[in-house]
Amino acid sequence: MFATRTTFRASDIVIRAAIVGLALGTAYIHSTLGGLLFTLNAIGYVTAALAMVVPLALAVRFRWVVRLGLIAYAMTTIVAWAIQGPYFSTAYIAKAIEIALIALVAIDFAR
């Protein structure tokens, strides 16, 4: 039921922690904006962050799907913001976090 992996590299832990931190950061920003759409977006990021670290065997086995899903989710959020707005300073911070998130997840996926 629980997956065990005996060899962890320090870089694996750092990248995974950064991914979770960025996902939770953008989730926090979206949760403070109010409205159903932003709240659901925040819940999606929290769910993805949990899926990146949960030690269940199924989640570990299909972690590549979680990574691709997180990249697609962040890209969809960015595109939706570009189409609809609003364009204020906090939105640009959230988009920068999401771009960094995409980059780190791509690095983690390639490793």
N, C-alpha and C. Protein backbone atom coordinates (compact mmCIF):
# COMPACT_ATOMS: atom_id res chain seq x y z
N MET A 1 0.82 -1.18 0.00
CA MET A 1 0.00 0.00 0.00
C MET A 1 0.88 1.26 0.00
N PHE A 2 1.87 1.30 0.86
CA PHE A 2 2.78 2.43 0.87
C PHE A 2 4.03 2.07 0.10
N ALA A 3 4.49 3.01 -0.68
CA ALA A 3 5.68 2.78 -1.48
C ALA A 3 6.91 3.10 -0.64
N THR A 4 7.92 2.30 -0.85
CA THR A 4 9.17 2.57 -0.17
C THR A 4 10.26 2.69 -1.21
N ARG A 5 11.06 3.69 -1.02
CA ARG A 5 12.20 3.89 -1.90
C ARG A 5 13.38 4.17 -0.98
N THR A 6 14.43 3.41 -1.14
CA THR A 6 15.52 3.51 -0.19
C THR A 6 16.57 4.53 -0.60
N THR A 7 16.66 4.89 -1.87
CA THR A 7 17.68 5.82 -2.30
C THR A 7 17.06 7.14 -2.72
N PHE A 8 17.32 8.16 -1.96
CA PHE A 8 16.90 9.52 -2.28
C PHE A 8 18.14 10.37 -2.44
N ARG A 9 18.19 11.09 -3.51
CA ARG A 9 19.26 12.07 -3.66
C ARG A 9 18.79 13.37 -3.06
N ALA A 10 19.72 14.15 -2.57
CA ALA A 10 19.37 15.44 -1.97
C ALA A 10 18.70 16.34 -3.00
N SER A 11 19.14 16.26 -4.25
CA SER A 11 18.54 17.09 -5.29
C SER A 11 17.08 16.71 -5.55
N ASP A 12 16.75 15.43 -5.41
CA ASP A 12 15.36 14.99 -5.57
C ASP A 12 14.47 15.66 -4.51
N ILE A 13 14.96 15.66 -3.30
CA ILE A 13 14.18 16.23 -2.20
C ILE A 13 14.03 17.74 -2.37
N VAL A 14 15.10 18.41 -2.77
CA VAL A 14 15.05 19.86 -2.94
C VAL A 14 14.08 20.24 -4.05
N ILE A 15 14.17 19.56 -5.19
CA ILE A 15 13.27 19.87 -6.30
C ILE A 15 11.82 19.59 -5.93
N ARG A 16 11.56 18.45 -5.30
CA ARG A 16 10.19 18.11 -4.91
C ARG A 16 9.65 19.10 -3.90
N ALA A 17 10.47 19.51 -2.94
CA ALA A 17 10.03 20.50 -1.94
C ALA A 17 9.75 21.85 -2.60
N ALA A 18 10.57 22.23 -3.57
CA ALA A 18 10.34 23.49 -4.28
C ALA A 18 9.04 23.44 -5.08
N ILE A 19 8.77 22.31 -5.72
CA ILE A 19 7.53 22.15 -6.48
C ILE A 19 6.33 22.28 -5.56
N VAL A 20 6.38 21.60 -4.44
CA VAL A 20 5.27 21.67 -3.49
C VAL A 20 5.12 23.09 -2.95
N GLY A 21 6.22 23.73 -2.63
CA GLY A 21 6.16 25.10 -2.12
C GLY A 21 5.57 26.08 -3.13
N LEU A 22 5.99 25.96 -4.39
CA LEU A 22 5.45 26.84 -5.43
C LEU A 22 3.96 26.57 -5.67
N ALA A 23 3.58 25.30 -5.68
CA ALA A 23 2.16 24.97 -5.89
C ALA A 23 1.31 25.51 -4.74
N LEU A 24 1.81 25.37 -3.52
CA LEU A 24 1.06 25.89 -2.37
C LEU A 24 1.07 27.42 -2.35
N GLY A 25 2.13 28.03 -2.83
CA GLY A 25 2.19 29.48 -2.91
C GLY A 25 1.15 30.05 -3.86
N THR A 26 1.07 29.47 -5.04
CA THR A 26 0.07 29.96 -6.00
C THR A 26 -1.34 29.59 -5.54
N ALA A 27 -1.48 28.47 -4.82
CA ALA A 27 -2.79 28.13 -4.26
C ALA A 27 -3.21 29.16 -3.24
N TYR A 28 -2.28 29.60 -2.42
CA TYR A 28 -2.60 30.62 -1.42
C TYR A 28 -3.04 31.92 -2.09
N ILE A 29 -2.30 32.34 -3.10
CA ILE A 29 -2.66 33.57 -3.80
C ILE A 29 -4.07 33.47 -4.37
N HIS A 30 -4.36 32.35 -5.03
CA HIS A 30 -5.69 32.19 -5.63
C HIS A 30 -6.79 32.10 -4.56
N SER A 31 -6.46 31.50 -3.42
CA SER A 31 -7.49 31.37 -2.37
C SER A 31 -7.85 32.71 -1.75
N THR A 32 -6.96 33.69 -1.82
CA THR A 32 -7.25 34.99 -1.22
C THR A 32 -8.03 35.92 -2.15
N LEU A 33 -8.20 35.52 -3.39
CA LEU A 33 -8.85 36.40 -4.36
C LEU A 33 -10.37 36.36 -4.30
N GLY A 34 -10.93 35.34 -3.68
CA GLY A 34 -12.38 35.24 -3.57
C GLY A 34 -13.01 34.77 -4.86
N GLY A 35 -14.19 34.26 -4.77
CA GLY A 35 -14.89 33.75 -5.94
C GLY A 35 -14.67 32.26 -6.12
N LEU A 36 -15.64 31.63 -6.71
CA LEU A 36 -15.61 30.18 -6.89
C LEU A 36 -14.47 29.72 -7.79
N LEU A 37 -14.25 30.43 -8.89
CA LEU A 37 -13.21 30.03 -9.83
C LEU A 37 -11.83 30.04 -9.18
N PHE A 38 -11.52 31.07 -8.43
CA PHE A 38 -10.22 31.16 -7.77
C PHE A 38 -10.09 30.11 -6.66
N THR A 39 -11.18 29.87 -5.94
CA THR A 39 -11.16 28.86 -4.89
C THR A 39 -10.93 27.47 -5.47
N LEU A 40 -11.61 27.15 -6.55
CA LEU A 40 -11.41 25.85 -7.20
C LEU A 40 -9.99 25.71 -7.74
N ASN A 41 -9.44 26.80 -8.26
CA ASN A 41 -8.08 26.78 -8.74
C ASN A 41 -7.12 26.49 -7.59
N ALA A 42 -7.34 27.11 -6.46
CA ALA A 42 -6.50 26.88 -5.28
C ALA A 42 -6.59 25.43 -4.82
N ILE A 43 -7.80 24.88 -4.81
CA ILE A 43 -7.99 23.48 -4.42
C ILE A 43 -7.25 22.55 -5.38
N GLY A 44 -7.27 22.87 -6.66
CA GLY A 44 -6.54 22.07 -7.65
C GLY A 44 -5.05 22.06 -7.40
N TYR A 45 -4.49 23.22 -7.07
CA TYR A 45 -3.05 23.30 -6.79
C TYR A 45 -2.69 22.55 -5.50
N VAL A 46 -3.53 22.65 -4.49
CA VAL A 46 -3.27 21.91 -3.23
C VAL A 46 -3.31 20.41 -3.49
N THR A 47 -4.28 19.97 -4.27
CA THR A 47 -4.40 18.56 -4.61
C THR A 47 -3.16 18.08 -5.37
N ALA A 48 -2.71 18.87 -6.32
CA ALA A 48 -1.51 18.50 -7.10
C ALA A 48 -0.28 18.46 -6.21
N ALA A 49 -0.17 19.41 -5.28
CA ALA A 49 0.97 19.42 -4.36
C ALA A 49 0.98 18.16 -3.50
N LEU A 50 -0.18 17.77 -3.01
CA LEU A 50 -0.27 16.55 -2.21
C LEU A 50 0.06 15.32 -3.05
N ALA A 51 -0.39 15.30 -4.27
CA ALA A 51 -0.12 14.15 -5.15
C ALA A 51 1.36 14.01 -5.47
N MET A 52 2.09 15.11 -5.38
CA MET A 52 3.53 15.06 -5.65
C MET A 52 4.31 14.41 -4.51
N VAL A 53 3.76 14.37 -3.32
CA VAL A 53 4.52 13.85 -2.18
C VAL A 53 3.87 12.68 -1.45
N VAL A 54 2.65 12.34 -1.76
CA VAL A 54 1.98 11.26 -1.05
C VAL A 54 2.72 9.94 -1.33
N PRO A 55 2.98 9.16 -0.29
CA PRO A 55 3.78 7.95 -0.48
C PRO A 55 2.98 6.69 -0.86
N LEU A 56 1.78 6.84 -1.37
CA LEU A 56 1.00 5.68 -1.80
C LEU A 56 1.60 5.08 -3.07
N ALA A 57 1.59 3.77 -3.15
CA ALA A 57 2.22 3.08 -4.27
C ALA A 57 1.64 3.51 -5.61
N LEU A 58 0.34 3.67 -5.67
CA LEU A 58 -0.30 4.09 -6.92
C LEU A 58 0.17 5.47 -7.35
N ALA A 59 0.26 6.38 -6.40
CA ALA A 59 0.71 7.74 -6.72
C ALA A 59 2.18 7.75 -7.13
N VAL A 60 2.99 6.92 -6.50
CA VAL A 60 4.41 6.85 -6.86
C VAL A 60 4.57 6.26 -8.25
N ARG A 61 3.81 5.22 -8.53
CA ARG A 61 3.91 4.55 -9.82
C ARG A 61 3.50 5.47 -10.97
N PHE A 62 2.48 6.26 -10.75
CA PHE A 62 1.98 7.14 -11.80
C PHE A 62 2.32 8.61 -11.53
N ARG A 63 3.45 8.85 -10.87
CA ARG A 63 3.87 10.22 -10.58
C ARG A 63 4.10 11.00 -11.87
N TRP A 64 4.46 10.30 -12.94
CA TRP A 64 4.66 10.99 -14.22
C TRP A 64 3.37 11.60 -14.71
N VAL A 65 2.24 10.97 -14.45
CA VAL A 65 0.94 11.53 -14.83
C VAL A 65 0.64 12.77 -13.99
N VAL A 66 0.98 12.71 -12.71
CA VAL A 66 0.79 13.86 -11.83
C VAL A 66 1.63 15.03 -12.33
N ARG A 67 2.87 14.76 -12.72
CA ARG A 67 3.74 15.84 -13.22
C ARG A 67 3.17 16.47 -14.48
N LEU A 68 2.77 15.64 -15.43
CA LEU A 68 2.19 16.18 -16.67
C LEU A 68 0.90 16.95 -16.38
N GLY A 69 0.10 16.43 -15.47
CA GLY A 69 -1.13 17.11 -15.10
C GLY A 69 -0.87 18.45 -14.45
N LEU A 70 0.15 18.53 -13.61
CA LEU A 70 0.48 19.79 -12.96
C LEU A 70 1.00 20.82 -13.96
N ILE A 71 1.80 20.37 -14.91
CA ILE A 71 2.26 21.28 -15.97
C ILE A 71 1.07 21.79 -16.77
N ALA A 72 0.18 20.89 -17.17
CA ALA A 72 -0.99 21.29 -17.95
C ALA A 72 -1.90 22.23 -17.15
N TYR A 73 -2.05 21.96 -15.86
CA TYR A 73 -2.90 22.79 -15.01
C TYR A 73 -2.35 24.20 -14.90
N ALA A 74 -1.05 24.32 -14.68
CA ALA A 74 -0.43 25.63 -14.58
C ALA A 74 -0.50 26.38 -15.91
N MET A 75 -0.28 25.67 -17.01
CA MET A 75 -0.37 26.31 -18.33
C MET A 75 -1.79 26.78 -18.61
N THR A 76 -2.76 25.98 -18.24
CA THR A 76 -4.16 26.36 -18.44
C THR A 76 -4.50 27.60 -17.61
N THR A 77 -4.00 27.65 -16.40
CA THR A 77 -4.23 28.81 -15.55
C THR A 77 -3.63 30.07 -16.17
N ILE A 78 -2.43 29.96 -16.71
CA ILE A 78 -1.78 31.11 -17.34
C ILE A 78 -2.54 31.57 -18.58
N VAL A 79 -2.94 30.63 -19.41
CA VAL A 79 -3.67 30.98 -20.63
C VAL A 79 -5.02 31.60 -20.28
N ALA A 80 -5.72 31.04 -19.30
CA ALA A 80 -7.01 31.59 -18.90
C ALA A 80 -6.85 33.01 -18.37
N TRP A 81 -5.78 33.25 -17.61
CA TRP A 81 -5.53 34.60 -17.11
C TRP A 81 -5.22 35.55 -18.26
N ALA A 82 -4.45 35.10 -19.23
CA ALA A 82 -4.10 35.96 -20.37
C ALA A 82 -5.33 36.35 -21.17
N ILE A 83 -6.30 35.44 -21.25
CA ILE A 83 -7.53 35.72 -22.00
C ILE A 83 -8.46 36.62 -21.21
N GLN A 84 -8.60 36.34 -19.93
CA GLN A 84 -9.65 36.98 -19.13
C GLN A 84 -9.16 38.06 -18.19
N GLY A 85 -7.89 38.04 -17.76
CA GLY A 85 -7.42 39.02 -16.78
C GLY A 85 -7.73 38.55 -15.38
N PRO A 86 -7.71 39.32 -14.39
CA PRO A 86 -7.36 40.73 -14.27
C PRO A 86 -5.84 40.92 -14.25
N TYR A 87 -5.42 42.06 -14.69
CA TYR A 87 -4.00 42.35 -14.83
C TYR A 87 -3.54 43.31 -13.73
N PHE A 88 -3.27 42.78 -12.55
CA PHE A 88 -2.74 43.60 -11.46
C PHE A 88 -1.50 42.90 -10.90
N SER A 89 -0.79 43.56 -10.00
CA SER A 89 0.54 43.10 -9.59
C SER A 89 0.54 41.70 -8.99
N THR A 90 -0.45 41.36 -8.20
CA THR A 90 -0.50 40.03 -7.60
C THR A 90 -0.65 38.95 -8.67
N ALA A 91 -1.37 39.25 -9.72
CA ALA A 91 -1.53 38.28 -10.81
C ALA A 91 -0.20 37.99 -11.48
N TYR A 92 0.63 39.01 -11.63
CA TYR A 92 1.94 38.80 -12.24
C TYR A 92 2.85 37.97 -11.34
N ILE A 93 2.72 38.14 -10.05
CA ILE A 93 3.48 37.31 -9.10
C ILE A 93 3.03 35.86 -9.22
N ALA A 94 1.73 35.64 -9.27
CA ALA A 94 1.20 34.27 -9.41
C ALA A 94 1.66 33.64 -10.71
N LYS A 95 1.68 34.41 -11.79
CA LYS A 95 2.12 33.86 -13.08
C LYS A 95 3.61 33.53 -13.05
N ALA A 96 4.41 34.35 -12.38
CA ALA A 96 5.84 34.06 -12.26
C ALA A 96 6.05 32.77 -11.46
N ILE A 97 5.27 32.59 -10.40
CA ILE A 97 5.35 31.36 -9.62
C ILE A 97 4.96 30.17 -10.50
N GLU A 98 3.91 30.31 -11.28
CA GLU A 98 3.46 29.21 -12.14
C GLU A 98 4.47 28.87 -13.22
N ILE A 99 5.14 29.87 -13.77
CA ILE A 99 6.19 29.61 -14.78
C ILE A 99 7.36 28.87 -14.13
N ALA A 100 7.76 29.30 -12.93
CA ALA A 100 8.82 28.59 -12.20
C ALA A 100 8.38 27.17 -11.87
N LEU A 101 7.12 27.00 -11.52
CA LEU A 101 6.57 25.68 -11.23
C LEU A 101 6.65 24.77 -12.45
N ILE A 102 6.27 25.29 -13.60
CA ILE A 102 6.34 24.51 -14.83
C ILE A 102 7.78 24.10 -15.11
N ALA A 103 8.72 25.02 -14.94
CA ALA A 103 10.13 24.72 -15.19
C ALA A 103 10.64 23.64 -14.25
N LEU A 104 10.33 23.75 -12.96
CA LEU A 104 10.81 22.74 -12.01
C LEU A 104 10.17 21.37 -12.23
N VAL A 105 8.90 21.35 -12.55
CA VAL A 105 8.24 20.07 -12.80
C VAL A 105 8.81 19.44 -14.07
N ALA A 106 9.12 20.25 -15.08
CA ALA A 106 9.74 19.71 -16.30
C ALA A 106 11.12 19.14 -15.99
N ILE A 107 11.87 19.82 -15.14
CA ILE A 107 13.19 19.29 -14.74
C ILE A 107 13.02 17.99 -13.98
N ASP A 108 12.08 17.95 -13.04
CA ASP A 108 11.82 16.74 -12.27
C ASP A 108 11.35 15.60 -13.18
N PHE A 109 10.54 15.93 -14.15
CA PHE A 109 10.05 14.92 -15.10
C PHE A 109 11.20 14.36 -15.95
N ALA A 110 12.10 15.23 -16.37
CA ALA A 110 13.22 14.79 -17.21
C ALA A 110 14.22 13.94 -16.44
N ARG A 111 14.31 14.14 -15.14
CA ARG A 111 15.26 13.39 -14.34
C ARG A 111 14.79 11.98 -14.20
